[in-house]
PDB file of N, CA and C in Angstrom:
ATOM      1  N   MET A   1     -43.553 -28.513   2.709  1.00  0.00           N
ATOM      2  CA  MET A   1     -44.100 -27.140   2.208  1.00  0.00           C
ATOM      3  C   MET A   1     -44.411 -27.211   1.162  1.00  0.00           C
ATOM      4  N   SER A   2     -45.658 -27.020   0.682  1.00  0.00           N
ATOM      5  CA  SER A   2     -46.396 -26.445  -0.942  1.00  0.00           C
ATOM      6  C   SER A   2     -45.665 -25.355  -1.648  1.00  0.00           C
ATOM      7  N   PRO A   3     -45.672 -25.397  -2.447  1.00  0.00           N
ATOM      8  CA  PRO A   3     -44.837 -24.283  -3.290  1.00  0.00           C
ATOM      9  C   PRO A   3     -46.082 -23.658  -3.519  1.00  0.00           C
ATOM     10  N   VAL A   4     -45.274 -22.192  -3.584  1.00  0.00           N
ATOM     11  CA  VAL A   4     -46.394 -20.768  -3.747  1.00  0.00           C
ATOM     12  C   VAL A   4     -45.900 -20.320  -4.889  1.00  0.00           C
ATOM     13  N   TYR A   5     -47.527 -19.609  -5.821  1.00  0.00           N
ATOM     14  CA  TYR A   5     -47.324 -19.024  -6.758  1.00  0.00           C
ATOM     15  C   TYR A   5     -48.306 -18.131  -6.562  1.00  0.00           C
ATOM     16  N   ALA A   6     -47.473 -17.065  -7.771  1.00  0.00           N
ATOM     17  CA  ALA A   6     -48.384 -15.920  -8.086  1.00  0.00           C
ATOM     18  C   ALA A   6     -48.767 -16.566  -9.484  1.00  0.00           C
ATOM     19  N   THR A   7     -50.292 -15.245  -9.374  1.00  0.00           N
ATOM     20  CA  THR A   7     -50.694 -15.011 -10.616  1.00  0.00           C
ATOM     21  C   THR A   7     -50.945 -13.649 -11.105  1.00  0.00           C
ATOM     22  N   ALA A   8     -51.485 -13.786 -12.246  1.00  0.00           N
ATOM     23  CA  ALA A   8     -52.091 -12.229 -12.467  1.00  0.00           C
ATOM     24  C   ALA A   8     -53.338 -12.425 -13.465  1.00  0.00           C
ATOM     25  N   THR A   9     -54.512 -11.758 -13.015  1.00  0.00           N
ATOM     26  CA  THR A   9     -55.620 -12.104 -13.843  1.00  0.00           C
ATOM     27  C   THR A   9     -55.718 -10.640 -14.556  1.00  0.00           C
ATOM     28  N   HIS A  10     -56.135 -10.484 -15.581  1.00  0.00           N
ATOM     29  CA  HIS A  10     -56.564  -9.084 -16.486  1.00  0.00           C
ATOM     30  C   HIS A  10     -57.994  -9.139 -15.715  1.00  0.00           C
ATOM     31  N   ILE A  11     -58.231  -7.605 -14.958  1.00  0.00           N
ATOM     32  CA  ILE A  11     -59.247  -7.214 -14.157  1.00  0.00           C
ATOM     33  C   ILE A  11     -60.626  -7.362 -15.566  1.00  0.00           C
ATOM     34  N   PRO A  12     -60.731  -6.568 -16.158  1.00  0.00           N
ATOM     35  CA  PRO A  12     -61.291  -6.451 -17.112  1.00  0.00           C
ATOM     36  C   PRO A  12     -62.197  -7.585 -17.906  1.00  0.00           C
ATOM     37  N   THR A  13     -60.963  -8.826 -18.082  1.00  0.00           N
ATOM     38  CA  THR A  13     -61.473  -9.752 -19.335  1.00  0.00           C
ATOM     39  C   THR A  13     -61.447 -11.015 -18.252  1.00  0.00           C
ATOM     40  N   GLY A  14     -60.880 -11.195 -16.652  1.00  0.00           N
ATOM     41  CA  GLY A  14     -61.073 -11.981 -15.892  1.00  0.00           C
ATOM     42  C   GLY A  14     -59.649 -13.131 -16.615  1.00  0.00           C
ATOM     43  N   GLU A  15     -59.501 -12.805 -17.510  1.00  0.00           N
ATOM     44  CA  GLU A  15     -58.057 -13.787 -18.291  1.00  0.00           C
ATOM     45  C   GLU A  15     -56.598 -13.898 -17.321  1.00  0.00           C
ATOM     46  N   LEU A  16     -56.312 -15.136 -17.001  1.00  0.00           N
ATOM     47  CA  LEU A  16     -55.327 -15.105 -16.381  1.00  0.00           C
ATOM     48  C   LEU A  16     -53.628 -14.817 -17.506  1.00  0.00           C
ATOM     49  N   THR A  17     -53.377 -14.260 -17.091  1.00  0.00           N
ATOM     50  CA  THR A  17     -52.300 -13.550 -18.072  1.00  0.00           C
ATOM     51  C   THR A  17     -51.165 -14.162 -17.646  1.00  0.00           C
ATOM     52  N   ARG A  18     -50.336 -14.630 -16.132  1.00  0.00           N
ATOM     53  CA  ARG A  18     -49.030 -14.389 -16.485  1.00  0.00           C
ATOM     54  C   ARG A  18     -49.002 -15.162 -14.790  1.00  0.00           C
ATOM     55  N   THR A  19     -47.988 -16.312 -14.803  1.00  0.00           N
ATOM     56  CA  THR A  19     -47.687 -17.036 -13.646  1.00  0.00           C
ATOM     57  C   THR A  19     -46.666 -16.745 -13.159  1.00  0.00           C
ATOM     58  N   LEU A  20     -45.656 -16.452 -11.881  1.00  0.00           N
ATOM     59  CA  LEU A  20     -44.830 -16.913 -11.372  1.00  0.00           C
ATOM     60  C   LEU A  20     -44.394 -17.899 -10.221  1.00  0.00           C
ATOM     61  N   GLY A  21     -43.209 -18.425 -10.427  1.00  0.00           N
ATOM     62  CA  GLY A  21     -43.571 -19.226  -9.194  1.00  0.00           C
ATOM     63  C   GLY A  21     -42.151 -20.748  -9.705  1.00  0.00           C
ATOM     64  N   PRO A  22     -42.624 -21.423  -9.251  1.00  0.00           N
ATOM     65  CA  PRO A  22     -42.585 -21.740  -7.741  1.00  0.00           C
ATOM     66  C   PRO A  22     -41.782 -20.880  -6.579  1.00  0.00           C
ATOM     67  N   PHE A  23     -41.699 -20.568  -5.485  1.00  0.00           N
ATOM     68  CA  PHE A  23     -41.126 -19.881  -4.391  1.00  0.00           C
ATOM     69  C   PHE A  23     -41.573 -20.869  -3.370  1.00  0.00           C
ATOM     70  N   ASP A  24     -40.670 -20.410  -2.413  1.00  0.00           N
ATOM     71  CA  ASP A  24     -40.626 -21.086  -1.165  1.00  0.00           C
ATOM     72  C   ASP A  24     -41.405 -20.858  -0.215  1.00  0.00           C
ATOM     73  N   THR A  25     -41.691 -19.697  -0.123  1.00  0.00           N
ATOM     74  CA  THR A  25     -42.600 -18.631   0.699  1.00  0.00           C
ATOM     75  C   THR A  25     -43.234 -17.676   0.325  1.00  0.00           C
ATOM     76  N   ARG A  26     -44.516 -17.751   0.486  1.00  0.00           N
ATOM     77  CA  ARG A  26     -45.159 -15.793  -0.058  1.00  0.00           C
ATOM     78  C   ARG A  26     -44.814 -14.922   0.261  1.00  0.00           C
ATOM     79  N   HIS A  27     -43.905 -14.503   0.903  1.00  0.00           N
ATOM     80  CA  HIS A  27     -42.950 -13.258   1.366  1.00  0.00           C
ATOM     81  C   HIS A  27     -42.127 -13.096   0.052  1.00  0.00           C
ATOM     82  N   ALA A  28     -41.570 -14.323  -0.350  1.00  0.00           N
ATOM     83  CA  ALA A  28     -40.574 -14.198  -1.898  1.00  0.00           C
ATOM     84  C   ALA A  28     -41.542 -14.065  -2.997  1.00  0.00           C
ATOM     85  N   ALA A  29     -42.236 -14.515  -3.174  1.00  0.00           N
ATOM     86  CA  ALA A  29     -43.702 -14.742  -4.203  1.00  0.00           C
ATOM     87  C   ALA A  29     -44.268 -13.119  -4.429  1.00  0.00           C
ATOM     88  N   CYS A  30     -44.478 -12.365  -3.147  1.00  0.00           N
ATOM     89  CA  CYS A  30     -45.140 -10.841  -2.809  1.00  0.00           C
ATOM     90  C   CYS A  30     -43.776 -10.167  -3.661  1.00  0.00           C
ATOM     91  N   VAL A  31     -42.443 -10.433  -2.854  1.00  0.00           N
ATOM     92  CA  VAL A  31     -41.589  -9.240  -3.538  1.00  0.00           C
ATOM     93  C   VAL A  31     -41.398  -9.810  -5.057  1.00  0.00           C
ATOM     94  N   ALA A  32     -41.717 -10.574  -5.836  1.00  0.00           N
ATOM     95  CA  ALA A  32     -41.337 -11.137  -6.896  1.00  0.00           C
ATOM     96  C   ALA A  32     -42.281 -10.235  -7.391  1.00  0.00           C
ATOM     97  N   VAL A  33     -43.332 -10.345  -7.488  1.00  0.00           N
ATOM     98  CA  VAL A  33     -44.677  -9.653  -8.037  1.00  0.00           C
ATOM     99  C   VAL A  33     -43.973  -7.850  -7.857  1.00  0.00           C
ATOM    100  N   GLY A  34     -43.871  -7.335  -6.862  1.00  0.00           N
ATOM    101  CA  GLY A  34     -43.640  -6.301  -6.832  1.00  0.00           C
ATOM    102  C   GLY A  34     -42.055  -5.967  -7.894  1.00  0.00           C
ATOM    103  N   GLU A  35     -41.123  -6.825  -7.641  1.00  0.00           N
ATOM    104  CA  GLU A  35     -40.030  -6.468  -8.753  1.00  0.00           C
ATOM    105  C   GLU A  35     -40.615  -6.419 -10.341  1.00  0.00           C
ATOM    106  N   VAL A  36     -41.535  -7.064 -10.703  1.00  0.00           N
ATOM    107  CA  VAL A  36     -42.118  -7.212 -11.826  1.00  0.00           C
ATOM    108  C   VAL A  36     -43.202  -5.844 -12.496  1.00  0.00           C
ATOM    109  N   VAL A  37     -43.876  -5.753 -11.354  1.00  0.00           N
ATOM    110  CA  VAL A  37     -44.775  -4.336 -11.785  1.00  0.00           C
ATOM    111  C   VAL A  37     -44.047  -2.929 -11.325  1.00  0.00           C
ATOM    112  N   GLY A  38     -42.723  -3.014 -10.856  1.00  0.00           N
ATOM    113  CA  GLY A  38     -42.213  -2.004 -10.472  1.00  0.00           C
ATOM    114  C   GLY A  38     -42.155  -0.756  -9.146  1.00  0.00           C
ATOM    115  N   GLN A  39     -43.515  -1.526  -8.296  1.00  0.00           N
ATOM    116  CA  GLN A  39     -43.775  -1.273  -6.847  1.00  0.00           C
ATOM    117  C   GLN A  39     -43.762  -1.869  -6.143  1.00  0.00           C
ATOM    118  N   VAL A  40     -43.623  -1.758  -4.671  1.00  0.00           N
ATOM    119  CA  VAL A  40     -44.431  -2.036  -3.494  1.00  0.00           C
ATOM    120  C   VAL A  40     -45.664  -1.958  -3.499  1.00  0.00           C
ATOM    121  N   LEU A  41     -46.389  -3.333  -3.421  1.00  0.00           N
ATOM    122  CA  LEU A  41     -47.551  -3.640  -3.073  1.00  0.00           C
ATOM    123  C   LEU A  41     -48.439  -3.668  -1.832  1.00  0.00           C
ATOM    124  N   THR A  42     -49.724  -3.434  -1.561  1.00  0.00           N
ATOM    125  CA  THR A  42     -50.160  -3.507  -0.669  1.00  0.00           C
ATOM    126  C   THR A  42     -51.121  -4.470  -0.726  1.00  0.00           C
ATOM    127  N   TRP A  43     -50.875  -5.693  -0.197  1.00  0.00           N
ATOM    128  CA  TRP A  43     -51.650  -7.200   0.086  1.00  0.00           C
ATOM    129  C   TRP A  43     -52.348  -7.364   1.104  1.00  0.00           C
ATOM    130  N   GLU A  44     -53.714  -7.941   0.410  1.00  0.00           N
ATOM    131  CA  GLU A  44     -55.040  -8.179   1.700  1.00  0.00           C
ATOM    132  C   GLU A  44     -54.802  -9.654   1.446  1.00  0.00           C
ATOM    133  N   ARG A  45     -55.133 -10.240   2.581  1.00  0.00           N
ATOM    134  CA  ARG A  45     -55.690 -11.446   2.614  1.00  0.00           C
ATOM    135  C   ARG A  45     -57.075 -11.504   2.429  1.00  0.00           C
ATOM    136  N   SER A  46     -57.607 -12.576   1.385  1.00  0.00           N
ATOM    137  CA  SER A  46     -58.990 -12.724   1.014  1.00  0.00           C
ATOM    138  C   SER A  46     -59.221 -14.050   1.756  1.00  0.00           C
ATOM    139  N   THR A  47     -60.441 -14.117   1.715  1.00  0.00           N
ATOM    140  CA  THR A  47     -61.365 -15.078   2.711  1.00  0.00           C
ATOM    141  C   THR A  47     -60.985 -16.890   2.611  1.00  0.00           C
ATOM    142  N   THR A  48     -60.520 -16.825   1.314  1.00  0.00           N
ATOM    143  CA  THR A  48     -59.943 -18.101   0.833  1.00  0.00           C
ATOM    144  C   THR A  48     -58.365 -18.377   1.371  1.00  0.00           C
ATOM    145  N   GLY A  49     -57.646 -17.285   2.263  1.00  0.00           N
ATOM    146  CA  GLY A  49     -56.178 -17.564   2.533  1.00  0.00           C
ATOM    147  C   GLY A  49     -55.013 -17.232   1.379  1.00  0.00           C
ATOM    148  N   THR A  50     -55.900 -16.700   0.175  1.00  0.00           N
ATOM    149  CA  THR A  50     -55.217 -16.124  -0.987  1.00  0.00           C
ATOM    150  C   THR A  50     -54.953 -14.548  -0.424  1.00  0.00           C
ATOM    151  N   TYR A  51     -53.731 -14.129  -0.595  1.00  0.00           N
ATOM    152  CA  TYR A  51     -53.078 -12.762  -0.957  1.00  0.00           C
ATOM    153  C   TYR A  51     -53.171 -12.445  -1.907  1.00  0.00           C
ATOM    154  N   VAL A  52     -54.112 -10.948  -2.236  1.00  0.00           N
ATOM    155  CA  VAL A  52     -53.892 -10.561  -3.311  1.00  0.00           C
ATOM    156  C   VAL A  52     -53.863  -8.730  -3.143  1.00  0.00           C
ATOM    157  N   ALA A  53     -53.271  -8.645  -4.298  1.00  0.00           N
ATOM    158  CA  ALA A  53     -53.083  -6.973  -4.780  1.00  0.00           C
ATOM    159  C   ALA A  53     -53.111  -6.574  -5.999  1.00  0.00           C
ATOM    160  N   GLU A  54     -53.633  -5.236  -6.277  1.00  0.00           N
ATOM    161  CA  GLU A  54     -54.218  -5.021  -7.390  1.00  0.00           C
ATOM    162  C   GLU A  54     -53.332  -3.753  -8.052  1.00  0.00           C
ATOM    163  N   LYS A  55     -52.778  -4.333  -9.529  1.00  0.00           N
ATOM    164  CA  LYS A  55     -52.201  -2.476 -10.089  1.00  0.00           C
ATOM    165  C   LYS A  55     -53.315  -2.751 -10.653  1.00  0.00           C
ATOM    166  N   TYR A  56     -53.861  -2.099 -11.595  1.00  0.00           N
ATOM    167  CA  TYR A  56     -55.104  -2.117 -12.168  1.00  0.00           C
ATOM    168  C   TYR A  56     -53.889  -2.134 -13.789  1.00  0.00           C
ATOM    169  N   PRO A  57     -54.353  -2.707 -14.801  1.00  0.00           N
ATOM    170  CA  PRO A  57     -55.666  -3.553 -14.777  1.00  0.00           C
ATOM    171  C   PRO A  57     -55.375  -4.927 -14.357  1.00  0.00           C
ATOM    172  N   MET A  58     -54.379  -5.174 -13.479  1.00  0.00           N
ATOM    173  CA  MET A  58     -54.146  -6.492 -12.923  1.00  0.00           C
ATOM    174  C   MET A  58     -54.742  -6.961 -11.870  1.00  0.00           C
ATOM    175  N   LEU A  59     -54.822  -7.975 -11.250  1.00  0.00           N
ATOM    176  CA  LEU A  59     -55.569  -8.499  -9.512  1.00  0.00           C
ATOM    177  C   LEU A  59     -53.981  -9.478  -9.891  1.00  0.00           C
ATOM    178  N   TRP A  60     -53.309  -9.117  -9.084  1.00  0.00           N
ATOM    179  CA  TRP A  60     -52.303 -10.442  -8.011  1.00  0.00           C
ATOM    180  C   TRP A  60     -52.432 -10.916  -7.153  1.00  0.00           C
ATOM    181  N   ALA A  61     -52.832 -12.459  -7.219  1.00  0.00           N
ATOM    182  CA  ALA A  61     -52.680 -13.240  -6.536  1.00  0.00           C
ATOM    183  C   ALA A  61     -51.800 -14.362  -6.070  1.00  0.00           C
ATOM    184  N   VAL A  62     -51.649 -14.724  -4.736  1.00  0.00           N
ATOM    185  CA  VAL A  62     -50.438 -15.335  -3.881  1.00  0.00           C
ATOM    186  C   VAL A  62     -50.591 -16.629  -3.513  1.00  0.00           C
ATOM    187  N   GLU A  63     -50.443 -17.883  -3.546  1.00  0.00           N
ATOM    188  CA  GLU A  63     -51.462 -18.643  -2.872  1.00  0.00           C
ATOM    189  C   GLU A  63     -50.391 -19.933  -3.035  1.00  0.00           C
ATOM    190  N   GLU A  64     -50.507 -21.236  -1.771  1.00  0.00           N
ATOM    191  CA  GLU A  64     -50.190 -21.961  -1.615  1.00  0.00           C
ATOM    192  C   GLU A  64     -50.543 -22.776  -2.728  1.00  0.00           C
ATOM    193  N   CYS A  65     -49.697 -23.893  -3.676  1.00  0.00           N
ATOM    194  CA  CYS A  65     -50.504 -24.852  -3.830  1.00  0.00           C
ATOM    195  C   CYS A  65     -50.578 -26.162  -3.734  1.00  0.00           C
ATOM    196  N   GLU A  66     -51.130 -27.189  -3.615  1.00  0.00           N
ATOM    197  CA  GLU A  66     -50.524 -28.595  -2.781  1.00  0.00           C
ATOM    198  C   GLU A  66     -49.824 -28.894  -3.954  1.00  0.00           C
ATOM    199  N   GLU A  67     -49.075 -29.893  -3.390  1.00  0.00           N
ATOM    200  CA  GLU A  67     -47.907 -30.473  -4.605  1.00  0.00           C
ATOM    201  C   GLU A  67     -48.724 -31.631  -4.675  1.00  0.00           C
ATOM    202  N   ARG A  68     -48.371 -31.898  -6.113  1.00  0.00           N
ATOM    203  CA  ARG A  68     -49.025 -33.118  -6.924  1.00  0.00           C
ATOM    204  C   ARG A  68     -47.945 -34.636  -6.892  1.00  0.00           C
ATOM    205  N   SER A  69     -48.520 -35.533  -6.383  1.00  0.00           N
ATOM    206  CA  SER A  69     -47.661 -36.171  -6.004  1.00  0.00           C
ATOM    207  C   SER A  69     -47.524 -37.556  -7.597  1.00  0.00           C
ATOM    208  N   SER A  70     -46.243 -37.821  -7.592  1.00  0.00           N
ATOM    209  CA  SER A  70     -46.378 -38.712  -8.997  1.00  0.00           C
ATOM    210  C   SER A  70     -46.308 -39.916  -8.781  1.00  0.00           C
ATOM    211  N   PRO A  71     -47.386 -41.211  -9.710  1.00  0.00           N
ATOM    212  CA  PRO A  71     -47.533 -42.466  -8.925  1.00  0.00           C
ATOM    213  C   PRO A  71     -46.215 -43.373  -9.001  1.00  0.00           C
TER     214      PRO A  71
END
């Protein structure tokens, strides 16, 4: 199973400001984001399969990342 990460992007500037993870599941990542922002967020699935939620001025995204194999 691929690790799951949550990232926060500052909406006005597009700057990546925070990364949480790795998590075992998308649910665990979404719960962790809720704890960071102090409220339960409404998550929507984007066309790329990433789950996103807005807590202005941040846009949070939760997605699985392919594991990189070590040589």
